[in-house]
Amino acid sequence: MKTKIVTALLTVVFWNLTGAPARAQTPPRLYLATEPPTYAPRAGEPAADIGSDMVREVMRRAAIDYTIDLLPWKRAYTAALERPDACVYATTRTPERERQFKWAGPIATADWVLMARADRKFKLRSLEDARLYRIGTYHGDARDQFLRARGFDVDPGSDDQTNPRKLLMGRIDLWAASLGLNSRQTLARLGYTDKVVPVLVFNRIQAYLACNRAVPDRLVAGMNAALEAMERDGTAGRIRRKYDSQAGQTARR
């Protein structure tokens, strides 16, 4: 009897040391959070944006079960910090955030741009030239943190879509935007395409899937391997071109 007990204990220890399960386990399921796209999907429809398309293909190739929840950015970001099964996208990878997450990506790139009213005729040669102005930001996002850390006068909003309105109303002088599909769609939908214009590109960033530190390394490695394969076989490029094309068509309307 004692021999059987010792054998069983040794078996459990062996499986634990080698990383193999001592019994059948349910495959891990990731909770993915992201901000709703500019045009929210109908009930039951998946989010349609470059980040979501990239992420769904990554999960399919890495054979990872998942759910996607559409949340305000601060809630999505907090979920990834607090939930051991959670990731948030598309997240700017910064030195300040580096040790807070495990990273899969990049899934997208974007320019950080100062936008202004077309009739203001700003001539900014560098970010320092904007120090005298009030800059609209999105509270808690990377651009907001970047400018705050450098002592700029920021006026944060609860969402980024309020900033074009504040700009045209004269409540802010500049808007720190990420010039990608969402910004273009927002301007077009509000009828601001020719009224709000870029005046300075002040940073180029890469956006990632940022995962809680408790997410197993093998899952993160699988996601990164899937992304590398998507770059090699052209899938990532096709997804980006699809949304580049849509952005151009939207901006012309």
Protein backbone atom coordinates (compact mmCIF):
# COMPACT_ATOMS: atom_id res chain seq x y z
CA MET A 1 0.00 0.00 0.00
CA LYS A 2 2.80 2.39 0.93
CA THR A 3 4.56 1.57 -2.33
CA LYS A 4 1.47 2.52 -4.34
CA ILE A 5 1.12 5.82 -2.47
CA VAL A 6 4.80 6.69 -3.02
CA THR A 7 4.53 5.78 -6.69
CA ALA A 8 1.47 7.99 -7.11
CA LEU A 9 3.19 10.91 -5.41
CA LEU A 10 6.28 10.51 -7.57
CA THR A 11 4.10 10.47 -10.66
CA VAL A 12 2.48 13.75 -9.67
CA VAL A 13 5.87 15.32 -8.95
CA PHE A 14 7.20 14.13 -12.32
CA TRP A 15 4.31 15.63 -14.25
CA ASN A 16 4.61 18.90 -12.37
CA LEU A 17 8.36 19.14 -12.97
CA THR A 18 8.07 18.38 -16.68
CA GLY A 19 5.13 20.70 -17.23
CA ALA A 20 2.84 17.87 -18.33
CA PRO A 21 -0.59 17.49 -16.69
CA ALA A 22 -1.13 14.74 -14.16
CA ARG A 23 -4.73 14.49 -15.45
CA ALA A 24 -6.70 15.75 -18.39
CA GLN A 25 -7.20 19.51 -18.17
CA THR A 26 -9.46 21.92 -20.00
CA PRO A 27 -7.44 23.81 -22.64
CA PRO A 28 -6.73 27.39 -21.56
CA ARG A 29 -9.17 30.04 -22.71
CA LEU A 30 -8.05 33.65 -23.04
CA TYR A 31 -10.20 36.66 -22.27
CA LEU A 32 -9.40 39.36 -24.84
CA ALA A 33 -10.49 42.95 -24.34
CA THR A 34 -10.44 45.80 -26.81
CA GLU A 35 -12.03 49.17 -27.39
CA PRO A 36 -15.10 49.13 -29.66
CA PRO A 37 -14.30 50.10 -33.27
CA THR A 38 -15.53 53.44 -34.57
CA TYR A 39 -18.48 51.72 -36.20
CA ALA A 40 -19.83 49.36 -33.55
CA PRO A 41 -20.95 45.93 -34.79
CA ARG A 42 -24.55 44.82 -34.52
CA ALA A 43 -25.44 42.51 -31.65
CA GLY A 44 -23.82 39.14 -32.21
CA GLU A 45 -21.49 40.37 -34.95
CA PRO A 46 -17.70 40.35 -34.45
CA ALA A 47 -15.72 43.58 -34.24
CA ALA A 48 -14.43 44.57 -37.67
CA ASP A 49 -11.11 46.41 -37.48
CA ILE A 50 -7.48 45.67 -38.28
CA GLY A 51 -6.57 44.66 -34.73
CA SER A 52 -9.52 42.27 -34.32
CA ASP A 53 -8.95 40.66 -37.72
CA MET A 54 -5.27 40.14 -36.91
CA VAL A 55 -6.03 38.75 -33.45
CA ARG A 56 -8.70 36.31 -34.63
CA GLU A 57 -6.30 34.89 -37.22
CA VAL A 58 -3.55 34.64 -34.60
CA MET A 59 -5.82 32.71 -32.24
CA ARG A 60 -6.95 30.38 -35.02
CA ARG A 61 -3.39 29.54 -36.02
CA ALA A 62 -2.19 29.16 -32.44
CA ALA A 63 -5.24 26.97 -31.62
CA ILE A 64 -6.14 29.12 -28.60
CA ASP A 65 -9.74 29.31 -27.41
CA TYR A 66 -10.82 32.85 -26.59
CA THR A 67 -13.56 35.40 -26.14
CA ILE A 68 -13.43 39.09 -27.16
CA ASP A 69 -15.11 41.73 -25.03
CA LEU A 70 -15.64 45.31 -26.27
CA LEU A 71 -15.01 47.74 -23.42
CA PRO A 72 -14.02 51.36 -22.81
CA TRP A 73 -10.24 51.53 -23.08
CA LYS A 74 -9.50 51.99 -19.36
CA ARG A 75 -11.62 48.96 -18.43
CA ALA A 76 -10.04 46.84 -21.16
CA TYR A 77 -6.54 47.86 -20.07
CA THR A 78 -7.31 47.27 -16.38
CA ALA A 79 -8.71 43.82 -17.15
CA ALA A 80 -5.40 42.80 -18.72
CA LEU A 81 -3.52 44.04 -15.67
CA GLU A 82 -5.77 42.26 -13.17
CA ARG A 83 -7.14 39.10 -14.80
CA PRO A 84 -4.64 36.21 -15.08
CA ASP A 85 -6.30 35.00 -18.31
CA ALA A 86 -6.59 38.38 -20.03
CA CYS A 87 -4.95 40.29 -22.88
CA VAL A 88 -5.77 43.74 -24.28
CA TYR A 89 -5.25 45.07 -27.80
CA ALA A 90 -4.11 47.09 -29.65
CA THR A 91 -1.72 48.35 -26.96
CA THR A 92 1.21 50.68 -27.53
CA ARG A 93 4.40 49.09 -26.23
CA THR A 94 6.26 51.68 -24.16
CA PRO A 95 9.20 51.44 -21.72
CA GLU A 96 6.82 52.28 -18.87
CA ARG A 97 4.56 49.35 -19.73
CA GLU A 98 7.23 46.84 -20.71
CA ARG A 99 7.34 44.87 -17.45
CA GLN A 100 3.60 45.02 -16.82
CA PHE A 101 2.69 42.61 -19.61
CA LYS A 102 3.81 39.79 -21.85
CA TRP A 103 3.74 40.95 -25.47
CA ALA A 104 2.58 39.40 -28.74
CA GLY A 105 3.06 41.43 -31.88
CA PRO A 106 3.26 43.89 -33.35
CA ILE A 107 -0.20 43.68 -34.85
CA ALA A 108 -0.30 47.27 -36.16
CA THR A 109 1.72 50.45 -36.54
CA ALA A 110 0.54 54.05 -36.31
CA ASP A 111 1.78 57.62 -36.34
CA TRP A 112 1.10 59.90 -33.41
CA VAL A 113 0.02 63.19 -34.93
CA LEU A 114 -0.92 66.61 -33.64
CA MET A 115 -4.12 67.68 -35.39
CA ALA A 116 -5.39 71.26 -35.63
CA ARG A 117 -8.19 73.27 -37.13
CA ALA A 118 -7.42 73.92 -40.77
CA ASP A 119 -7.88 77.66 -40.30
CA ARG A 120 -5.29 77.95 -37.49
CA LYS A 121 -2.26 77.55 -39.82
CA PHE A 122 0.10 76.07 -37.23
CA LYS A 123 3.76 75.73 -38.24
CA LEU A 124 5.25 73.22 -35.84
CA ARG A 125 8.76 71.97 -36.53
CA SER A 126 9.01 69.75 -33.43
CA LEU A 127 6.97 68.65 -30.46
CA GLU A 128 8.65 71.33 -28.36
CA ASP A 129 6.97 73.97 -30.52
CA ALA A 130 3.62 72.72 -29.18
CA ARG A 131 4.50 73.30 -25.53
CA LEU A 132 2.61 76.62 -25.44
CA TYR A 133 -0.66 75.04 -26.55
CA ARG A 134 -3.44 73.05 -24.89
CA ILE A 135 -3.54 69.51 -26.28
CA GLY A 136 -6.58 67.27 -26.25
CA THR A 137 -5.89 63.64 -25.32
CA TYR A 138 -7.74 60.42 -24.52
CA HIS A 139 -7.53 59.85 -20.76
CA GLY A 140 -5.28 56.95 -19.82
CA ASP A 141 -3.96 56.08 -23.28
CA ALA A 142 -0.31 56.06 -24.29
CA ARG A 143 -0.37 59.49 -25.97
CA ASP A 144 -1.88 61.05 -22.88
CA GLN A 145 0.79 59.41 -20.68
CA PHE A 146 3.58 60.38 -23.09
CA LEU A 147 2.65 64.07 -23.10
CA ARG A 148 1.92 64.24 -19.36
CA ALA A 149 5.31 62.74 -18.56
CA ARG A 150 6.96 65.50 -20.58
CA GLY A 151 5.06 68.31 -18.92
CA PHE A 152 2.69 69.29 -21.73
CA ASP A 153 -0.64 71.00 -21.03
CA VAL A 154 -3.14 68.22 -21.75
CA ASP A 155 -6.93 68.23 -21.63
CA PRO A 156 -7.98 64.57 -21.40
CA GLY A 157 -11.35 63.36 -22.64
CA SER A 158 -13.29 60.24 -21.72
CA ASP A 159 -13.07 59.07 -25.34
CA ASP A 160 -11.10 60.17 -28.38
CA GLN A 161 -14.17 61.13 -30.42
CA THR A 162 -14.78 64.21 -28.28
CA ASN A 163 -11.47 65.80 -29.30
CA PRO A 164 -12.36 66.90 -32.86
CA ARG A 165 -15.44 68.64 -31.46
CA LYS A 166 -13.40 70.34 -28.71
CA LEU A 167 -10.90 71.42 -31.36
CA LEU A 168 -13.52 73.09 -33.54
CA MET A 169 -15.14 74.71 -30.51
CA GLY A 170 -11.81 76.25 -29.50
CA ARG A 171 -11.61 74.40 -26.19
CA ILE A 172 -8.25 72.92 -27.17
CA ASP A 173 -5.57 74.09 -29.59
CA LEU A 174 -4.34 70.68 -30.77
CA TRP A 175 -5.44 67.07 -30.66
CA ALA A 176 -2.95 64.25 -30.09
CA ALA A 177 -4.33 61.56 -32.40
CA SER A 178 -3.16 58.20 -33.63
CA LEU A 179 -3.57 58.69 -37.35
CA GLY A 180 -5.03 55.41 -38.47
CA LEU A 181 -8.36 54.03 -39.59
CA ASN A 182 -10.29 55.00 -36.45
CA SER A 183 -9.19 58.65 -36.54
CA ARG A 184 -10.01 58.96 -40.24
CA GLN A 185 -13.41 57.32 -39.76
CA THR A 186 -14.20 59.59 -36.82
CA LEU A 187 -13.37 62.73 -38.82
CA ALA A 188 -15.33 61.54 -41.85
CA ARG A 189 -18.37 60.48 -39.86
CA LEU A 190 -18.51 63.84 -38.09
CA GLY A 191 -17.96 65.77 -41.32
CA TYR A 192 -14.58 67.14 -40.20
CA THR A 193 -12.33 65.69 -42.90
CA ASP A 194 -11.36 69.08 -44.36
CA LYS A 195 -11.75 71.03 -41.12
CA VAL A 196 -9.23 69.15 -38.97
CA VAL A 197 -5.78 68.55 -40.43
CA PRO A 198 -2.45 67.02 -39.31
CA VAL A 199 0.27 69.54 -38.47
CA LEU A 200 3.03 67.40 -36.93
CA VAL A 201 3.93 63.70 -36.73
CA PHE A 202 5.65 63.39 -33.37
CA ASN A 203 6.07 59.64 -32.90
CA ARG A 204 5.69 56.31 -34.70
CA ILE A 205 4.57 53.38 -32.58
CA GLN A 206 3.82 49.67 -32.78
CA ALA A 207 0.71 48.21 -31.19
CA TYR A 208 0.61 44.78 -29.58
CA LEU A 209 -1.52 42.23 -27.84
CA ALA A 210 -0.57 42.89 -24.19
CA CYS A 211 -1.17 39.90 -21.90
CA ASN A 212 -1.29 39.55 -18.15
CA ARG A 213 1.98 38.30 -16.67
CA ALA A 214 0.21 35.10 -15.59
CA VAL A 215 -0.65 34.06 -19.16
CA PRO A 216 1.54 30.99 -19.88
CA ASP A 217 4.70 31.66 -21.88
CA ARG A 218 3.83 28.89 -24.33
CA LEU A 219 0.62 30.70 -25.32
CA VAL A 220 2.46 33.97 -25.87
CA ALA A 221 5.12 32.11 -27.87
CA GLY A 222 2.37 30.50 -29.96
CA MET A 223 0.81 33.87 -30.70
CA ASN A 224 4.14 35.36 -31.73
CA ALA A 225 4.89 32.35 -33.93
CA ALA A 226 1.49 32.76 -35.60
CA LEU A 227 2.18 36.45 -36.25
CA GLU A 228 5.57 35.67 -37.76
CA ALA A 229 3.94 33.11 -40.07
CA MET A 230 1.28 35.66 -41.06
CA GLU A 231 3.98 38.14 -42.02
CA ARG A 232 5.84 35.50 -44.06
CA ASP A 233 2.84 34.23 -46.00
CA GLY A 234 1.36 37.67 -46.67
CA THR A 235 -1.78 37.33 -44.53
CA ALA A 236 -0.85 40.27 -42.28
CA GLY A 237 -0.19 42.45 -45.33
CA ARG A 238 -3.56 41.57 -46.85
CA ILE A 239 -5.38 42.52 -43.65
CA ARG A 240 -3.54 45.86 -43.47
CA ARG A 241 -4.24 46.65 -47.14
CA LYS A 242 -7.92 45.86 -46.66
CA TYR A 243 -8.23 48.51 -43.97
CA ASP A 244 -5.92 51.00 -45.68
CA SER A 245 -8.24 50.81 -48.68
CA GLN A 246 -11.35 51.27 -46.57
CA ALA A 247 -9.77 54.21 -44.73
CA GLY A 248 -9.00 55.96 -47.99
CA GLN A 249 -12.54 55.48 -49.27
CA THR A 250 -14.03 56.68 -45.98
CA ALA A 251 -11.87 59.80 -45.87
CA ARG A 252 -13.08 60.86 -49.31
CA ARG A 253 -16.78 60.85 -48.31
